Amino acid sequence: MEVKLKTCKFCGKELEGRSDKVYCDAHCKSSYHYKRSIEETPRFYNRVDNQLKLNRRILKSFNKAGKTTVRANVLLEQGFNPKYFTHYWKNTKGDIYFFVYEYGFLKKAEKGRDKYVLVQWQDYMDK
């Protein structure tokens, strides 16, 4: 009767020890799962979460004073995508600000150029 030797799923080394062992060590196990995660197409949740994090980082970097105006193309070149936001707020004038967590933006057109008014969430906006 031929004994079939089990090999590590990642590196192919012969396994010793427990009969249900799949990887030779923790490094091979981690490497295998990391490689698999890179090869898989990103899940919807991950894509959305990554874009929200990027949008927040961009808005935060341009809005140091609490309110500012930035040309739209500057934000877009950084990877900002206005389709991804967490919530919105409507002011008394009827303008709708879209927020990525505590950083908001409002698209405006001034002199034929698209711009974003960037704001930071304020307590009065809760009302």
Protein backbone atom coordinates (compact mmCIF):
# COMPACT_ATOMS: atom_id res chain seq x y z
CA MET A 1 0.00 0.00 0.00
CA GLU A 2 1.39 3.39 -1.05
CA VAL A 3 1.39 6.20 1.55
CA LYS A 4 0.49 9.56 0.07
CA LEU A 5 2.54 12.37 1.60
CA LYS A 6 0.80 15.67 2.13
CA THR A 7 2.49 18.86 1.00
CA CYS A 8 2.17 22.51 2.08
CA LYS A 9 -0.50 24.37 0.12
CA PHE A 10 1.83 27.34 -0.41
CA CYS A 11 5.42 26.16 -0.78
CA GLY A 12 4.93 22.47 -1.58
CA LYS A 13 7.23 21.15 1.19
CA GLU A 14 6.40 17.79 2.71
CA LEU A 15 4.31 18.20 5.87
CA GLU A 16 5.20 16.61 9.16
CA GLY A 17 3.06 16.38 12.26
CA ARG A 18 -0.71 16.36 12.51
CA SER A 19 -2.68 14.53 9.84
CA ASP A 20 -4.92 17.53 9.16
CA LYS A 21 -2.04 19.98 8.71
CA VAL A 22 -2.32 22.11 5.53
CA TYR A 23 0.64 24.54 5.78
CA CYS A 24 4.16 23.95 7.03
CA ASP A 25 4.18 27.12 9.18
CA ALA A 26 2.36 30.38 9.93
CA HIS A 27 4.36 32.27 7.27
CA CYS A 28 3.19 29.90 4.48
CA LYS A 29 -0.41 30.11 5.73
CA SER A 30 -0.32 33.92 5.77
CA SER A 31 1.43 34.10 2.38
CA TYR A 32 -1.10 31.75 0.80
CA HIS A 33 -4.09 33.81 2.00
CA TYR A 34 -2.42 37.12 1.07
CA LYS A 35 -1.67 35.87 -2.45
CA ARG A 36 -5.26 34.65 -2.81
CA SER A 37 -6.68 38.00 -1.65
CA ILE A 38 -4.55 39.86 -4.23
CA GLU A 39 -5.67 37.57 -7.06
CA GLU A 40 -9.39 37.82 -6.23
CA THR A 41 -11.41 40.69 -7.61
CA PRO A 42 -12.13 43.19 -4.84
CA ARG A 43 -15.49 42.76 -3.19
CA PHE A 44 -18.02 45.56 -3.53
CA TYR A 45 -17.75 46.49 0.15
CA ASN A 46 -13.95 46.80 -0.07
CA ARG A 47 -14.12 48.99 -3.18
CA VAL A 48 -16.66 51.34 -1.57
CA ASP A 49 -14.82 51.45 1.76
CA ASN A 50 -11.49 52.19 0.06
CA GLN A 51 -13.04 54.99 -2.03
CA LEU A 52 -14.69 56.54 1.06
CA LYS A 53 -11.37 56.48 2.91
CA LEU A 54 -9.62 58.09 -0.06
CA ASN A 55 -12.34 60.75 -0.43
CA ARG A 56 -12.11 61.61 3.28
CA ARG A 57 -8.31 61.83 3.16
CA ILE A 58 -8.47 64.17 0.14
CA LEU A 59 -11.18 66.40 1.62
CA LYS A 60 -9.30 66.62 4.92
CA SER A 61 -6.03 67.54 3.21
CA PHE A 62 -7.62 70.44 1.31
CA ASN A 63 -9.85 71.73 4.12
CA LYS A 64 -7.56 72.88 6.92
CA ALA A 65 -9.59 75.96 7.93
CA GLY A 66 -13.10 74.45 8.13
CA LYS A 67 -14.32 76.01 4.87
CA THR A 68 -12.56 76.48 1.55
CA THR A 69 -13.11 76.35 -2.21
CA VAL A 70 -11.11 74.08 -4.53
CA ARG A 71 -11.28 73.59 -8.30
CA ALA A 72 -13.01 70.29 -9.11
CA ASN A 73 -10.22 69.04 -11.37
CA VAL A 74 -7.69 69.33 -8.53
CA LEU A 75 -9.73 66.96 -6.35
CA LEU A 76 -10.53 64.60 -9.21
CA GLU A 77 -6.86 64.31 -10.17
CA GLN A 78 -6.15 63.12 -6.62
CA GLY A 79 -8.66 60.28 -7.06
CA PHE A 80 -11.69 61.96 -5.44
CA ASN A 81 -15.01 60.45 -6.59
CA PRO A 82 -18.08 62.54 -5.65
CA LYS A 83 -20.40 59.55 -6.14
CA TYR A 84 -19.16 58.09 -2.86
CA PHE A 85 -20.39 59.82 0.29
CA THR A 86 -21.84 58.83 3.66
CA HIS A 87 -24.68 61.34 4.16
CA TYR A 88 -25.92 64.76 3.15
CA TRP A 89 -27.11 68.02 4.70
CA LYS A 90 -29.42 70.65 3.19
CA ASN A 91 -28.90 74.26 4.25
CA THR A 92 -31.61 76.95 4.49
CA LYS A 93 -30.85 78.11 0.92
CA GLY A 94 -31.60 74.63 -0.40
CA ASP A 95 -27.98 73.72 -1.19
CA ILE A 96 -27.23 70.07 -0.57
CA TYR A 97 -23.81 69.31 0.88
CA PHE A 98 -22.59 65.74 0.55
CA PHE A 99 -20.44 64.44 3.39
CA VAL A 100 -17.76 61.82 3.73
CA TYR A 101 -17.98 61.36 7.49
CA GLU A 102 -17.21 64.84 8.90
CA TYR A 103 -15.97 66.47 5.66
CA GLY A 104 -18.51 67.87 3.23
CA PHE A 105 -18.50 69.19 -0.31
CA LEU A 106 -20.87 71.18 -2.52
CA LYS A 107 -20.33 71.42 -6.27
CA LYS A 108 -20.60 74.93 -7.70
CA ALA A 109 -19.95 76.42 -11.11
CA GLU A 110 -18.22 79.82 -11.06
CA LYS A 111 -17.20 81.61 -14.26
CA GLY A 112 -17.58 78.41 -16.25
CA ARG A 113 -15.38 76.35 -13.93
CA ASP A 114 -16.54 73.57 -11.64
CA LYS A 115 -15.49 74.03 -8.04
CA TYR A 116 -16.18 72.36 -4.73
CA VAL A 117 -16.96 74.25 -1.56
CA LEU A 118 -15.47 72.17 1.24
CA VAL A 119 -16.84 72.36 4.77
CA GLN A 120 -16.47 70.54 8.04
CA TRP A 121 -19.47 69.16 9.97
CA GLN A 122 -20.73 71.59 12.63
CA ASP A 123 -23.01 70.99 15.63
CA TYR A 124 -25.79 73.18 14.21
CA MET A 125 -26.10 70.81 11.25
CA ASP A 126 -27.60 68.14 13.54
CA LYS A 127 -30.82 70.16 13.86
